Amino acid sequence: MADLVQAQRRAVLSGRYGGSPLVRLTPAEPASRIALRAGAESVAGLSAALGLTLPIRPKGSAAVDGRLAFWLGPDEWLVIDEKWADLMAACAGVATAHSATDVSHRNVAIIVSGPGAVATLSAGCPLDLSLSGFAVGAATRTLFGKVEIVLYRMTDDTFRLECWRSFADYAFGLLAQAAEDAAA
C-alpha cells in the first residue's frame, strides 16, 4: 500500500531576516485577513461583529487585541487578525449589505523597524513618512518600488508592510538593499 504524503505550505518569507545596524526586517507571523467592502449603513454592524470600530477617514486604522483594520477607501478596509480568528464567520451574521473576501493566503507582511525604518521605506515609497506626514496609527495603500502595498505605522520607528505573497520576495529584497543603504 502506498504511503500518503501531505504537502505542507511553507510561508513565502520563511527563514528570511535582514536589515542593518539601523533597520530590522522581520516577516510577520501568518494571520487571517479579509478584504471588506461596505457602505456607510453597514459600518456599525460590521464594527460590532468584528469587535473594533472600522475607521472611516483617510489613513485611519483601528487595533484591538491583535485585530487590525485599515481604511483603504470610502467603502473599503483590510482587516487582519493575528490570532487567526475566522473573520468571514464574524461578518456572516451581519444583515446589512457588504462583501467580505478571505485574502489570508494572498497577503504577507514584513515588519520594518529601527531608527533607519523611514529612510529604508522612503527608498521605494513616494509618501512623506515623517511623523507629521504619516503619524503613528496611519495606514494607507501605496507603492513600494513596483509593488502595491498597504503600509501601517505601528510606532515612531516600526511599520507593517502588507503585500501580495507573489511580490513578497521582491519587496523583501528591495527593503534589504535599502536597509543597507540607510546604514551607509
Protein backbone atom coordinates (compact mmCIF):
# COMPACT_ATOMS: atom_id res chain seq x y z
CA MET A 1 0.00 0.00 0.00
CA ALA A 2 1.26 3.47 -0.87
CA ASP A 3 2.17 5.87 1.89
CA LEU A 4 0.22 9.11 1.93
CA VAL A 5 2.28 12.26 1.87
CA GLN A 6 0.69 15.54 2.78
CA ALA A 7 2.24 18.71 1.45
CA GLN A 8 2.99 21.43 3.96
CA ARG A 9 2.58 25.04 2.88
CA ARG A 10 5.70 26.99 3.72
CA ALA A 11 5.46 30.71 4.28
CA VAL A 12 6.93 32.60 1.34
CA LEU A 13 9.37 34.52 3.55
CA SER A 14 10.08 31.62 5.91
CA GLY A 15 13.57 31.95 7.35
CA ARG A 16 14.18 35.38 5.80
CA TYR A 17 15.59 38.03 8.06
CA GLY A 18 17.55 41.08 7.14
CA GLY A 19 18.40 44.63 7.79
CA SER A 20 21.36 46.59 9.00
CA PRO A 21 22.56 48.13 12.27
CA LEU A 22 19.77 50.73 11.87
CA VAL A 23 16.92 48.62 10.47
CA ARG A 24 15.46 45.23 11.25
CA LEU A 25 13.36 43.34 8.66
CA THR A 26 11.19 40.57 10.02
CA PRO A 27 8.49 38.55 8.27
CA ALA A 28 5.29 38.92 10.28
CA GLU A 29 3.59 35.81 11.56
CA PRO A 30 0.83 34.48 9.29
CA ALA A 31 -2.59 35.98 10.02
CA SER A 32 -6.17 35.78 8.82
CA ARG A 33 -7.24 38.65 6.55
CA ILE A 34 -10.32 39.85 4.76
CA ALA A 35 -10.84 42.47 2.10
CA LEU A 36 -14.04 44.18 3.23
CA ARG A 37 -16.35 46.41 1.18
CA ALA A 38 -19.44 48.05 2.63
CA GLY A 39 -21.49 51.22 2.52
CA ALA A 40 -21.81 53.66 5.40
CA GLU A 41 -25.05 51.99 6.57
CA SER A 42 -23.15 48.74 7.25
CA VAL A 43 -20.19 50.13 9.21
CA ALA A 44 -21.81 49.98 12.67
CA GLY A 45 -22.96 46.36 12.27
CA LEU A 46 -19.64 45.20 10.86
CA SER A 47 -17.73 47.06 13.58
CA ALA A 48 -19.78 45.31 16.25
CA ALA A 49 -19.30 41.91 14.60
CA LEU A 50 -15.54 42.40 14.24
CA GLY A 51 -15.04 43.80 17.73
CA LEU A 52 -13.43 47.06 16.66
CA THR A 53 -14.61 50.31 15.17
CA LEU A 54 -13.90 50.38 11.45
CA PRO A 55 -12.06 53.62 10.62
CA ILE A 56 -13.92 55.94 8.25
CA ARG A 57 -11.27 58.55 7.46
CA PRO A 58 -8.24 58.50 5.13
CA LYS A 59 -5.14 56.94 6.73
CA GLY A 60 -7.38 55.59 9.51
CA SER A 61 -6.70 52.41 11.41
CA ALA A 62 -8.05 50.56 14.42
CA ALA A 63 -6.32 47.98 16.59
CA VAL A 64 -7.81 45.81 19.33
CA ASP A 65 -6.17 42.71 20.81
CA GLY A 66 -4.29 41.56 17.69
CA ARG A 67 -7.03 42.60 15.28
CA LEU A 68 -6.29 45.45 12.86
CA ALA A 69 -8.49 47.35 10.41
CA PHE A 70 -7.10 49.74 7.80
CA TRP A 71 -9.21 52.24 5.85
CA LEU A 72 -8.35 51.89 2.15
CA GLY A 73 -11.17 53.91 0.62
CA PRO A 74 -14.64 55.31 1.36
CA ASP A 75 -16.12 51.80 1.41
CA GLU A 76 -13.06 49.54 1.69
CA TRP A 77 -10.96 48.06 4.52
CA LEU A 78 -8.29 45.45 5.05
CA VAL A 79 -8.97 43.58 8.30
CA ILE A 80 -6.24 41.42 9.84
CA ASP A 81 -6.41 39.08 12.82
CA GLU A 82 -3.02 37.99 14.13
CA LYS A 83 -4.65 35.21 16.19
CA TRP A 84 -6.22 33.57 13.11
CA ALA A 85 -9.82 34.27 14.11
CA ASP A 86 -12.43 33.42 11.48
CA LEU A 87 -13.17 36.90 10.14
CA MET A 88 -15.50 35.54 7.46
CA ALA A 89 -17.69 33.94 10.13
CA ALA A 90 -17.70 37.19 12.11
CA CYS A 91 -19.04 39.06 9.07
CA ALA A 92 -21.51 36.35 8.04
CA GLY A 93 -24.03 37.31 10.71
CA VAL A 94 -24.22 40.96 9.65
CA ALA A 95 -27.58 41.58 7.97
CA THR A 96 -26.65 44.73 6.03
CA ALA A 97 -25.10 44.64 2.57
CA HIS A 98 -21.35 44.05 2.47
CA SER A 99 -18.72 41.99 0.74
CA ALA A 100 -16.02 40.11 2.65
CA THR A 101 -13.36 38.12 0.82
CA ASP A 102 -10.83 35.94 2.60
CA VAL A 103 -7.34 37.05 1.47
CA SER A 104 -5.40 35.26 4.21
CA HIS A 105 -3.18 33.37 1.77
CA ARG A 106 -2.86 36.23 -0.71
CA ASN A 107 -1.04 38.65 1.60
CA VAL A 108 2.09 38.56 3.71
CA ALA A 109 3.54 41.24 5.94
CA ILE A 110 7.04 42.47 6.66
CA ILE A 111 7.83 44.41 9.83
CA VAL A 112 10.35 47.21 9.23
CA SER A 113 11.71 48.62 12.48
CA GLY A 114 14.53 50.70 13.87
CA PRO A 115 15.86 54.25 13.58
CA GLY A 116 16.50 53.76 9.84
CA ALA A 117 13.00 52.45 9.04
CA VAL A 118 11.78 55.71 7.47
CA ALA A 119 14.88 56.01 5.28
CA THR A 120 14.56 52.36 4.25
CA LEU A 121 10.91 52.68 3.24
CA SER A 122 11.49 56.05 1.56
CA ALA A 123 13.86 54.34 -0.87
CA GLY A 124 10.85 52.87 -2.65
CA CYS A 125 7.78 54.67 -1.30
CA PRO A 126 6.71 58.13 -2.57
CA LEU A 127 4.87 59.11 0.65
CA ASP A 128 6.08 61.63 3.21
CA LEU A 129 6.81 59.20 6.05
CA SER A 130 7.81 61.84 8.57
CA LEU A 131 5.77 61.74 11.79
CA SER A 132 3.97 64.92 10.74
CA GLY A 133 3.05 63.44 7.35
CA PHE A 134 2.37 59.86 8.41
CA ALA A 135 1.61 59.69 12.13
CA VAL A 136 1.60 56.62 14.37
CA GLY A 137 -1.57 54.69 13.52
CA ALA A 138 -1.67 55.90 9.90
CA ALA A 139 -2.41 53.28 7.26
CA THR A 140 -2.72 53.61 3.50
CA ARG A 141 -2.47 51.78 0.22
CA THR A 142 0.57 52.98 -1.73
CA LEU A 143 3.52 51.74 -3.76
CA PHE A 144 6.88 50.36 -2.73
CA GLY A 145 9.09 50.07 -5.77
CA LYS A 146 6.79 48.44 -8.31
CA VAL A 147 4.58 46.75 -5.72
CA GLU A 148 1.19 47.86 -4.41
CA ILE A 149 1.32 47.67 -0.63
CA VAL A 150 -0.63 48.63 2.45
CA LEU A 151 1.62 50.50 4.87
CA TYR A 152 0.79 50.89 8.56
CA ARG A 153 2.84 52.89 11.06
CA MET A 154 2.82 50.92 14.32
CA THR A 155 5.18 53.16 16.35
CA ASP A 156 7.57 56.05 15.67
CA ASP A 157 10.07 53.67 14.05
CA THR A 158 8.08 50.49 13.27
CA PHE A 159 5.99 49.83 10.16
CA ARG A 160 3.96 46.91 8.86
CA LEU A 161 4.20 46.49 5.09
CA GLU A 162 1.46 44.26 3.63
CA CYS A 163 1.89 42.96 0.09
CA TRP A 164 0.71 40.11 -2.09
CA ARG A 165 2.72 36.96 -1.47
CA SER A 166 3.76 36.81 -5.14
CA PHE A 167 5.63 40.13 -4.64
CA ALA A 168 7.00 39.36 -1.17
CA ASP A 169 10.45 38.23 -2.31
CA TYR A 170 10.87 41.36 -4.45
CA ALA A 171 9.66 43.65 -1.63
CA PHE A 172 11.91 41.96 0.93
CA GLY A 173 14.92 42.19 -1.39
CA LEU A 174 14.32 45.88 -2.06
CA LEU A 175 13.89 46.52 1.66
CA ALA A 176 17.12 44.64 2.44
CA GLN A 177 19.07 46.72 -0.07
CA ALA A 178 17.51 49.95 1.19
CA ALA A 179 18.31 48.97 4.81
CA GLU A 180 21.97 48.55 3.88
CA ASP A 181 21.92 51.91 2.13
CA ALA A 182 20.30 53.55 5.18
CA ALA A 183 23.20 52.35 7.32
CA ALA A 184 25.85 53.69 4.95
